[in-house]
N, C-alpha and C. Protein backbone atom coordinates (compact mmCIF):
# COMPACT_ATOMS: atom_id res chain seq x y z
N MET A 1 60.37 66.54 154.60
CA MET A 1 59.78 65.44 153.29
C MET A 1 59.77 67.00 152.32
N ARG A 2 60.50 66.13 151.28
CA ARG A 2 60.76 67.60 149.93
C ARG A 2 60.47 66.80 148.25
N ALA A 3 59.29 67.70 148.37
CA ALA A 3 59.74 66.72 145.90
C ALA A 3 60.13 67.98 145.66
N LYS A 4 60.47 67.49 143.97
CA LYS A 4 60.86 68.19 142.83
C LYS A 4 59.83 67.39 141.99
N MET A 5 59.31 67.28 140.87
CA MET A 5 58.55 67.03 139.59
C MET A 5 58.88 68.22 138.62
N VAL A 6 59.43 67.47 137.51
CA VAL A 6 59.68 69.22 136.21
C VAL A 6 59.36 67.81 135.37
N GLY A 7 60.09 68.06 133.81
CA GLY A 7 60.43 67.36 132.59
C GLY A 7 59.85 67.25 132.15
N ASP A 8 59.59 65.84 131.26
CA ASP A 8 59.02 65.22 130.23
C ASP A 8 58.13 64.05 130.69
N ASP A 9 56.71 64.12 130.67
CA ASP A 9 55.95 63.14 131.01
C ASP A 9 56.93 61.20 130.90
N ILE A 10 56.92 60.48 131.44
CA ILE A 10 57.28 59.83 130.52
C ILE A 10 56.10 58.73 131.40
N SER A 11 55.10 58.90 131.49
CA SER A 11 54.41 57.68 132.38
C SER A 11 53.18 58.24 132.95
N HIS A 12 52.63 57.77 132.43
CA HIS A 12 50.90 57.82 133.51
C HIS A 12 50.90 57.82 134.52
N GLN A 13 51.81 56.85 135.86
CA GLN A 13 51.87 56.09 137.15
C GLN A 13 52.77 57.50 137.59
N ASN A 14 51.84 57.34 138.81
CA ASN A 14 52.95 58.30 140.52
C ASN A 14 54.26 56.76 140.60
N ILE A 15 55.62 57.78 140.45
CA ILE A 15 56.22 56.98 140.20
C ILE A 15 57.33 58.44 141.53
N VAL A 16 57.44 57.67 142.37
CA VAL A 16 57.78 58.10 144.34
C VAL A 16 59.91 56.91 143.84
N ILE A 17 60.52 58.14 144.55
CA ILE A 17 62.21 57.73 144.28
C ILE A 17 62.65 57.98 145.53
N LEU A 18 62.55 56.65 146.82
CA LEU A 18 62.53 57.35 148.24
C LEU A 18 63.57 57.11 148.92
N GLY A 19 64.85 58.16 149.21
CA GLY A 19 65.68 58.19 149.46
C GLY A 19 65.21 57.33 151.36
N VAL A 20 66.12 56.80 151.74
CA VAL A 20 66.14 56.17 153.56
C VAL A 20 67.23 56.06 154.11
N GLY A 21 67.41 56.35 154.89
CA GLY A 21 68.32 56.05 155.76
C GLY A 21 68.63 57.35 157.28
N ASN A 22 70.02 56.70 157.74
CA ASN A 22 70.25 57.30 159.74
C ASN A 22 71.63 58.50 159.00
N LEU A 23 70.87 59.64 158.93
CA LEU A 23 72.03 60.70 158.30
C LEU A 23 72.92 60.56 159.72
N LEU A 24 72.81 60.03 160.50
CA LEU A 24 73.99 59.84 162.04
C LEU A 24 74.21 58.76 162.14
N LEU A 25 74.54 58.02 161.46
CA LEU A 25 74.81 56.89 161.01
C LEU A 25 75.75 56.93 159.61
N SER A 26 76.52 57.84 159.40
CA SER A 26 77.54 57.84 158.80
C SER A 26 76.56 57.29 157.26
N ASP A 27 77.37 56.52 156.57
CA ASP A 27 77.04 56.14 155.03
C ASP A 27 76.13 55.13 155.03
N GLU A 28 75.70 55.10 156.34
CA GLU A 28 73.82 54.42 156.67
C GLU A 28 72.94 55.46 156.04
N GLY A 29 73.29 56.40 155.86
CA GLY A 29 72.01 57.74 155.60
C GLY A 29 72.27 58.49 153.86
N VAL A 30 73.34 57.26 153.63
CA VAL A 30 73.06 57.68 151.65
C VAL A 30 72.37 57.68 151.43
N GLY A 31 71.25 56.98 151.32
CA GLY A 31 69.67 57.47 150.65
C GLY A 31 69.64 58.58 150.77
N VAL A 32 69.37 58.92 151.66
CA VAL A 32 69.29 60.09 152.08
C VAL A 32 69.95 61.46 151.20
N HIS A 33 71.07 61.69 151.52
CA HIS A 33 72.21 61.92 150.78
C HIS A 33 71.84 61.76 148.88
N VAL A 34 71.91 60.85 149.01
CA VAL A 34 71.08 60.62 147.04
C VAL A 34 69.90 61.87 146.61
N ALA A 35 68.67 61.07 147.86
CA ALA A 35 67.21 61.70 147.67
C ALA A 35 67.72 63.68 147.72
N ASN A 36 68.91 63.63 148.00
CA ASN A 36 68.56 65.80 147.73
C ASN A 36 69.78 65.68 146.91
N GLU A 37 70.50 65.06 146.09
CA GLU A 37 71.22 65.33 145.10
C GLU A 37 70.36 65.69 144.57
N LEU A 38 68.96 64.51 144.37
CA LEU A 38 68.39 64.33 142.88
C LEU A 38 67.06 65.18 142.94
N MET A 39 66.72 65.96 143.76
CA MET A 39 66.10 67.13 144.39
C MET A 39 66.07 67.88 143.59
N LYS A 40 67.98 68.40 143.18
CA LYS A 40 68.25 69.22 142.76
C LYS A 40 68.48 69.37 141.52
N MET A 41 67.54 68.63 140.29
CA MET A 41 67.78 67.92 139.15
C MET A 41 66.21 68.25 138.44
N GLU A 42 65.71 68.51 137.47
CA GLU A 42 64.77 68.43 136.89
C GLU A 42 64.66 66.68 136.33
N LEU A 43 63.22 66.70 136.99
CA LEU A 43 62.94 65.09 136.27
C LEU A 43 61.46 65.50 135.91
N PRO A 44 61.60 63.88 135.52
CA PRO A 44 59.70 64.31 135.06
C PRO A 44 58.40 63.86 136.20
N PRO A 45 57.26 64.97 135.47
CA PRO A 45 56.51 64.77 135.71
C PRO A 45 56.05 63.50 136.42
N LYS A 46 54.85 63.19 137.53
CA LYS A 46 54.85 62.20 138.00
C LYS A 46 56.15 61.65 138.92
N VAL A 47 57.29 62.54 138.92
CA VAL A 47 58.03 61.26 139.91
C VAL A 47 58.40 62.66 140.88
N THR A 48 58.44 62.35 142.08
CA THR A 48 58.34 62.69 143.05
C THR A 48 59.21 62.20 143.92
N VAL A 49 60.33 62.94 144.54
CA VAL A 49 61.97 62.54 145.39
C VAL A 49 61.32 62.88 146.94
N VAL A 50 61.68 62.03 147.41
CA VAL A 50 61.34 61.92 148.67
C VAL A 50 62.24 61.04 150.06
N GLU A 51 62.85 62.50 151.04
CA GLU A 51 63.79 61.95 151.46
C GLU A 51 63.34 61.58 152.83
N GLY A 52 63.65 60.46 152.52
CA GLY A 52 61.90 59.00 154.33
C GLY A 52 62.70 59.43 155.35
N GLY A 53 64.68 59.77 155.30
CA GLY A 53 64.67 59.47 157.22
C GLY A 53 65.02 57.68 157.32
N THR A 54 64.35 58.15 158.37
CA THR A 54 64.27 56.81 159.28
C THR A 54 62.43 56.71 159.76
N ASP A 55 61.75 57.24 158.92
CA ASP A 55 60.43 57.68 159.47
C ASP A 55 60.15 56.78 159.13
N GLY A 56 60.41 55.28 158.57
CA GLY A 56 60.01 54.31 158.32
C GLY A 56 57.85 54.10 158.72
N PHE A 57 57.34 54.14 159.46
CA PHE A 57 55.52 53.82 159.41
C PHE A 57 55.16 54.94 158.84
N GLY A 58 55.82 56.08 158.91
CA GLY A 58 55.60 57.13 158.58
C GLY A 58 55.10 57.41 157.36
N LEU A 59 56.13 56.35 156.53
CA LEU A 59 55.83 56.61 154.86
C LEU A 59 55.31 55.47 154.42
N LEU A 60 54.40 55.02 154.86
CA LEU A 60 53.19 54.14 154.44
C LEU A 60 52.33 55.19 153.38
N ASN A 61 51.48 56.19 153.94
CA ASN A 61 50.91 56.78 152.76
C ASN A 61 51.75 57.24 151.76
N ILE A 62 52.77 57.36 151.27
CA ILE A 62 54.19 57.68 150.42
C ILE A 62 53.75 56.90 149.38
N ILE A 63 54.06 55.69 150.41
CA ILE A 63 54.06 54.40 149.51
C ILE A 63 52.85 53.81 148.66
N THR A 64 51.88 53.33 149.78
CA THR A 64 50.57 53.65 148.77
C THR A 64 50.26 54.03 147.70
N GLU A 65 50.34 55.43 147.62
CA GLU A 65 49.82 56.33 146.65
C GLU A 65 50.62 55.69 145.81
N ALA A 66 51.90 55.37 145.44
CA ALA A 66 52.55 55.34 144.54
C ALA A 66 52.01 54.06 143.94
N ASP A 67 52.45 54.27 142.14
CA ASP A 67 52.11 53.45 141.54
C ASP A 67 53.21 52.10 141.15
N ARG A 68 54.89 53.36 141.46
CA ARG A 68 56.09 52.81 141.10
C ARG A 68 56.50 52.95 141.68
N LEU A 69 57.95 52.69 142.80
CA LEU A 69 58.60 52.90 143.77
C LEU A 69 59.73 52.52 143.25
N ILE A 70 60.81 53.47 143.81
CA ILE A 70 62.56 53.52 143.81
C ILE A 70 63.07 53.62 144.73
N VAL A 71 63.64 52.64 145.81
CA VAL A 71 63.94 52.83 147.10
C VAL A 71 65.92 53.21 147.22
N ILE A 72 66.44 53.42 147.26
CA ILE A 72 67.92 53.95 147.62
C ILE A 72 67.93 53.94 148.99
N ASP A 73 68.50 52.60 149.35
CA ASP A 73 69.67 52.74 150.82
C ASP A 73 70.57 52.25 151.11
N ALA A 74 70.50 52.08 152.10
CA ALA A 74 71.97 51.30 152.53
C ALA A 74 72.47 49.93 152.08
N VAL A 75 72.96 49.14 152.11
CA VAL A 75 72.36 47.53 151.84
C VAL A 75 73.95 46.83 151.94
N LYS A 76 73.24 45.84 153.51
CA LYS A 76 74.58 44.51 153.48
C LYS A 76 73.83 43.42 152.60
N GLY A 77 75.16 43.65 151.37
CA GLY A 77 74.78 42.32 150.35
C GLY A 77 76.30 41.46 150.27
N GLY A 78 76.97 41.57 151.37
CA GLY A 78 78.14 40.87 151.62
C GLY A 78 79.17 41.01 150.68
N GLY A 79 79.19 42.98 149.84
CA GLY A 79 80.06 42.99 148.68
C GLY A 79 81.08 43.89 149.68
N VAL A 80 82.41 44.28 148.88
CA VAL A 80 83.32 45.44 149.60
C VAL A 80 82.48 46.69 149.42
N SER A 81 82.75 47.35 150.10
CA SER A 81 82.21 49.35 150.42
C SER A 81 82.12 49.30 148.93
N GLY A 82 81.18 50.07 148.99
CA GLY A 82 80.51 50.65 147.21
C GLY A 82 80.33 50.08 146.70
N SER A 83 79.84 49.00 147.55
CA SER A 83 79.31 47.67 145.62
C SER A 83 77.51 48.43 146.12
N ILE A 84 77.68 48.31 144.95
CA ILE A 84 76.36 48.81 144.22
C ILE A 84 75.36 47.54 143.47
N TYR A 85 73.68 47.97 144.79
CA TYR A 85 73.09 46.63 144.16
C TYR A 85 71.60 47.22 143.60
N ARG A 86 71.20 46.26 142.59
CA ARG A 86 69.83 46.81 141.61
C ARG A 86 69.12 45.32 142.39
N PHE A 87 67.74 45.17 142.72
CA PHE A 87 66.87 44.19 142.27
C PHE A 87 65.44 44.66 142.40
N ASP A 88 65.02 44.03 142.51
CA ASP A 88 63.32 43.92 142.99
C ASP A 88 62.37 43.60 144.01
N ILE A 89 62.09 43.87 144.64
CA ILE A 89 61.06 43.67 145.77
C ILE A 89 60.86 42.15 145.90
N ASP A 90 60.15 41.77 144.76
CA ASP A 90 60.06 40.32 144.83
C ASP A 90 61.19 39.29 145.29
N GLU A 91 62.57 39.47 144.41
CA GLU A 91 63.26 39.07 144.69
C GLU A 91 64.30 38.88 146.11
N VAL A 92 63.94 39.99 146.73
CA VAL A 92 63.98 39.66 148.41
C VAL A 92 64.26 38.60 148.87
N GLN A 93 62.77 38.49 148.80
CA GLN A 93 61.89 37.65 149.52
C GLN A 93 62.35 36.38 149.11
N ASN A 94 62.76 36.19 147.78
CA ASN A 94 63.17 34.71 147.53
C ASN A 94 64.68 34.26 148.39
N CYS A 95 65.20 35.27 148.15
CA CYS A 95 66.96 35.94 149.15
C CYS A 95 67.29 36.01 150.31
N PRO A 96 66.52 36.03 151.38
CA PRO A 96 66.49 36.73 152.21
C PRO A 96 67.73 36.42 153.34
N SER A 97 68.96 35.31 152.67
CA SER A 97 70.19 34.96 153.41
C SER A 97 70.88 36.44 153.29
N GLY A 98 70.52 36.39 151.99
CA GLY A 98 71.83 37.23 150.82
C GLY A 98 71.58 38.93 151.41
N PHE A 99 71.16 39.69 152.20
CA PHE A 99 70.07 40.51 152.33
C PHE A 99 69.65 41.13 153.36
N LYS A 100 70.21 42.82 153.79
CA LYS A 100 70.09 43.31 155.04
C LYS A 100 69.71 44.30 154.64
N THR A 101 68.53 44.80 155.52
CA THR A 101 68.47 46.22 154.80
C THR A 101 69.26 47.12 155.64
N SER A 102 68.53 48.34 156.21
CA SER A 102 69.53 49.28 156.70
C SER A 102 69.07 48.80 158.34
N VAL A 103 69.84 50.13 159.19
CA VAL A 103 69.24 49.15 161.04
C VAL A 103 68.41 50.03 161.26
N HIS A 104 67.36 50.78 160.13
CA HIS A 104 66.53 51.36 160.70
C HIS A 104 65.80 50.95 161.95
N GLN A 105 64.97 51.91 163.00
CA GLN A 105 63.81 51.04 163.57
C GLN A 105 63.11 49.93 162.88
N ILE A 106 62.87 50.37 162.03
CA ILE A 106 61.64 49.44 160.93
C ILE A 106 62.10 49.77 160.12
N GLY A 107 62.49 48.54 159.03
CA GLY A 107 63.03 48.66 157.97
C GLY A 107 62.31 48.61 156.89
N ILE A 108 62.65 49.63 155.91
CA ILE A 108 61.43 49.89 154.63
C ILE A 108 61.34 48.58 153.90
N LEU A 109 61.53 47.98 153.57
CA LEU A 109 61.08 46.08 153.55
C LEU A 109 60.30 45.73 153.97
N GLU A 110 59.96 46.11 155.10
CA GLU A 110 58.73 46.01 156.23
C GLU A 110 57.81 46.80 155.90
N VAL A 111 58.49 47.81 156.02
CA VAL A 111 56.73 49.30 155.25
C VAL A 111 56.45 48.49 153.87
N ILE A 112 57.36 48.54 153.06
CA ILE A 112 56.30 48.27 151.76
C ILE A 112 55.64 46.89 152.23
N ASN A 113 55.79 45.91 152.69
CA ASN A 113 54.67 44.30 152.59
C ASN A 113 53.88 45.05 153.63
N LEU A 114 54.09 45.60 154.30
CA LEU A 114 52.56 46.03 155.04
C LEU A 114 51.89 46.91 154.61
N SER A 115 52.81 47.89 153.39
CA SER A 115 51.42 48.64 152.49
C SER A 115 50.35 47.88 151.83
N GLY A 116 50.73 46.72 151.61
CA GLY A 116 49.96 45.10 151.00
C GLY A 116 48.28 45.37 151.90
N LEU A 117 48.89 45.27 153.14
CA LEU A 117 47.98 45.09 153.69
C LEU A 117 46.70 46.43 154.30
N ILE A 118 47.36 47.80 154.24
CA ILE A 118 46.27 48.55 154.24
C ILE A 118 46.09 49.65 152.55
N GLY A 119 46.52 49.15 151.85
CA GLY A 119 46.65 49.48 150.61
C GLY A 119 46.91 48.44 149.09
N LYS A 120 48.14 49.14 148.77
CA LYS A 120 48.37 48.73 147.93
C LYS A 120 49.75 48.26 147.86
N THR A 121 50.41 47.35 147.49
CA THR A 121 52.17 47.62 147.33
C THR A 121 53.00 48.27 146.08
N PRO A 122 53.40 48.72 145.81
CA PRO A 122 53.83 49.16 144.31
C PRO A 122 55.23 48.77 144.06
N HIS A 123 54.62 47.76 142.77
CA HIS A 123 56.42 48.02 142.14
C HIS A 123 56.89 48.55 142.26
N THR A 124 58.17 48.31 143.38
CA THR A 124 59.33 48.36 143.94
C THR A 124 60.51 47.88 143.56
N THR A 125 61.66 49.18 143.31
CA THR A 125 63.09 48.67 142.74
C THR A 125 63.47 49.20 144.05
N VAL A 126 64.65 48.11 144.17
CA VAL A 126 65.87 48.62 145.16
C VAL A 126 67.40 48.71 144.33
N ILE A 127 67.74 50.27 144.65
CA ILE A 127 69.25 50.27 144.54
C ILE A 127 69.32 50.75 145.86
N GLY A 128 70.81 49.31 145.94
CA GLY A 128 71.83 49.44 147.14
C GLY A 128 72.76 49.83 147.61
N ILE A 129 73.63 50.48 148.30
CA ILE A 129 75.24 50.39 148.72
C ILE A 129 75.53 49.56 149.45
N GLU A 130 76.59 49.15 149.75
CA GLU A 130 77.32 48.57 150.39
C GLU A 130 78.45 49.93 151.26
N PRO A 131 77.46 49.53 152.77
CA PRO A 131 77.97 51.28 153.39
C PRO A 131 79.84 50.19 154.17
N LYS A 132 81.09 51.94 153.77
CA LYS A 132 82.31 51.17 154.47
C LYS A 132 82.01 51.38 155.78
N SER A 133 80.78 52.47 155.80
CA SER A 133 81.49 53.05 157.81
C SER A 133 79.62 53.67 158.38
N LEU A 134 79.15 52.52 159.43
CA LEU A 134 78.02 53.18 160.04
C LEU A 134 78.17 53.16 161.76
N GLU A 135 79.43 53.78 161.80
CA GLU A 135 80.42 54.69 163.00
C GLU A 135 78.94 55.64 163.11
N ILE A 136 78.99 57.14 164.25
CA ILE A 136 77.95 57.98 164.29
C ILE A 136 78.59 59.15 163.82
N GLY A 137 78.35 59.52 163.06
CA GLY A 137 78.67 61.06 161.86
C GLY A 137 77.75 61.40 161.42
N MET A 138 77.98 62.65 160.40
CA MET A 138 77.05 63.01 159.88
C MET A 138 77.72 62.80 158.04
N GLU A 139 78.97 63.00 158.39
CA GLU A 139 79.36 62.68 156.70
C GLU A 139 79.69 60.91 156.11
N LEU A 140 79.43 61.07 154.91
CA LEU A 140 79.95 59.88 154.02
C LEU A 140 81.59 59.23 154.14
N SER A 141 81.77 58.38 154.26
CA SER A 141 82.92 58.30 154.14
C SER A 141 83.36 58.47 152.22
N PRO A 142 85.05 58.66 152.08
CA PRO A 142 85.14 59.48 151.12
C PRO A 142 84.44 58.70 149.68
N GLU A 143 84.95 57.12 150.38
CA GLU A 143 84.46 55.61 149.12
C GLU A 143 83.25 55.54 148.58
N ILE A 144 82.17 56.35 149.55
CA ILE A 144 80.67 56.18 149.76
C ILE A 144 79.89 56.76 148.55
N LYS A 145 80.89 58.60 149.19
CA LYS A 145 80.48 59.71 148.89
C LYS A 145 80.77 59.69 147.49
N ALA A 146 81.90 59.21 146.52
CA ALA A 146 82.11 59.11 145.39
C ALA A 146 81.38 57.89 144.79
N ARG A 147 80.46 57.34 145.52
CA ARG A 147 79.51 56.57 144.10
C ARG A 147 78.06 57.53 144.16
N ILE A 148 78.14 58.69 144.65
CA ILE A 148 76.80 59.14 144.44
C ILE A 148 76.16 59.18 142.58
N PRO A 149 77.29 60.08 142.38
CA PRO A 149 77.03 60.25 141.06
C PRO A 149 76.48 58.96 139.78
N ARG A 150 77.65 57.94 140.62
CA ARG A 150 76.40 56.40 139.89
C ARG A 150 75.57 56.04 140.07
N ILE A 151 75.38 56.31 141.59
CA ILE A 151 74.12 55.81 142.14
C ILE A 151 72.75 56.48 141.19
N ILE A 152 72.58 58.17 141.34
CA ILE A 152 71.62 58.97 140.47
C ILE A 152 71.96 58.42 139.05
N GLU A 153 73.28 58.23 138.30
CA GLU A 153 73.48 57.56 137.10
C GLU A 153 71.95 55.87 137.01
N LEU A 154 72.27 54.78 137.64
CA LEU A 154 71.16 54.19 137.72
C LEU A 154 70.00 54.87 138.13
N VAL A 155 69.58 55.59 139.02
CA VAL A 155 68.42 55.87 139.37
C VAL A 155 67.48 55.93 138.13
N LEU A 156 68.61 57.11 137.29
CA LEU A 156 67.98 57.97 136.05
C LEU A 156 67.84 56.43 134.64
N ALA A 157 68.50 55.63 134.96
CA ALA A 157 68.46 54.60 134.28
C ALA A 157 67.50 53.91 134.32
N GLU A 158 66.56 54.20 134.72
CA GLU A 158 65.42 52.91 135.83
C GLU A 158 64.38 53.91 135.31
N LEU A 159 64.61 55.76 135.56
CA LEU A 159 63.08 56.08 134.84
C LEU A 159 63.21 55.96 133.71
N LYS A 160 64.53 56.03 132.73
CA LYS A 160 64.12 55.40 131.28
C LYS A 160 63.83 54.38 131.32
N LYS A 161 63.96 53.10 132.03
CA LYS A 161 63.73 52.33 131.72
C LYS A 161 62.21 51.52 131.55
N MET A 162 61.51 52.94 132.23
CA MET A 162 60.07 52.83 133.08
C MET A 162 59.61 53.66 131.58
N LYS A 163 59.52 54.68 130.92
CA LYS A 163 59.68 55.23 129.88
C LYS A 163 59.54 53.56 128.42
N HIS A 164 60.53 53.69 128.37
CA HIS A 164 60.67 52.19 127.13
C HIS A 164 60.02 50.94 127.98
N GLY A 165 59.19 50.74 128.92
CA GLY A 165 58.11 49.64 129.35
C GLY A 165 59.10 48.73 129.28
N ASN A 166 61.41 48.93 130.09
CA ASN A 166 61.40 47.79 129.83
C ASN A 166 62.08 47.68 131.35
N GLU A 167 60.74 46.87 132.32
CA GLU A 167 61.68 47.09 134.09
C GLU A 167 62.36 45.06 134.53
N LYS A 168 62.29 44.80 133.83
CA LYS A 168 62.46 43.33 134.57
C LYS A 168 64.09 43.32 134.89
N SER A 169 64.35 42.76 135.86
CA SER A 169 65.60 42.56 136.33
C SER A 169 66.14 40.59 136.23
N PRO A 170 67.23 40.39 135.69
CA PRO A 170 67.75 38.98 135.73
C PRO A 170 67.11 38.38 137.35
N PRO A 171 66.55 37.47 137.42
CA PRO A 171 65.82 36.66 138.26
C PRO A 171 67.14 36.10 139.52
N CYS A 172 66.71 36.94 140.95
CA CYS A 172 67.57 36.37 142.30
C CYS A 172 67.62 34.96 141.84
N ARG A 173 68.96 34.64 142.21
CA ARG A 173 69.49 33.03 143.33
C ARG A 173 69.92 33.82 144.70
N GLU A 174 69.55 32.69 145.31
CA GLU A 174 69.73 32.18 146.43
C GLU A 174 71.39 33.09 146.88
N GLY A 175 71.91 34.21 147.13
CA GLY A 175 72.29 35.48 147.64
C GLY A 175 73.39 35.94 146.82
N THR A 176 72.70 35.95 145.97
CA THR A 176 73.24 36.73 144.41
C THR A 176 72.03 38.18 144.35
N PHE A 177 72.59 38.76 143.81
CA PHE A 177 72.05 39.79 143.22
C PHE A 177 72.51 40.09 142.09
N LEU A 178 71.75 41.69 141.15
CA LEU A 178 72.52 42.44 140.32
C LEU A 178 72.98 43.26 140.43
N LYS A 179 74.35 43.38 140.78
CA LYS A 179 75.88 44.40 141.15
C LYS A 179 76.01 44.96 140.41
N TYR A 180 76.74 46.09 140.43
CA TYR A 180 77.17 47.62 139.28
C TYR A 180 77.89 47.69 140.57
N LEU A 181 79.07 47.98 139.86
CA LEU A 181 80.78 47.86 140.33
C LEU A 181 81.28 48.90 139.40
């Protein structure tokens, strides 16, 4: 795991951008690929980018030390491959039937929920992408790879919303998420 922090201060909060996924299962590793791209960029101070892979419980310290968490992961939301979803962690608990995170040994949502038992649960936003392929392979499918710039744009928009104090998303209804196509 590696982090990069630079640029203008946007907040007194400790903000973590966490890319998770399994690089060995093609599109399942999209969060890691996005995190690696974000590490090349100049981001505001107090913003840390972490490539979390499939570390599961190993991410607890990073999660509990964050005031604000943005998770990037593959998401099975029922849309077409390449659909991008944005939702707050609280919405997932209200919409369990329409959402499935990655195929990690322990899901990142379980780790985030556990963080509340041993420390604190940060305000968490998930930016997920509907995978095309979960076959064994280190490369993203061309359709998912082409979506990385849009995912990065959405992450940067989240940081901008934090700067302006406008972080609320519309409430989730059963089986629906805010979708970016």
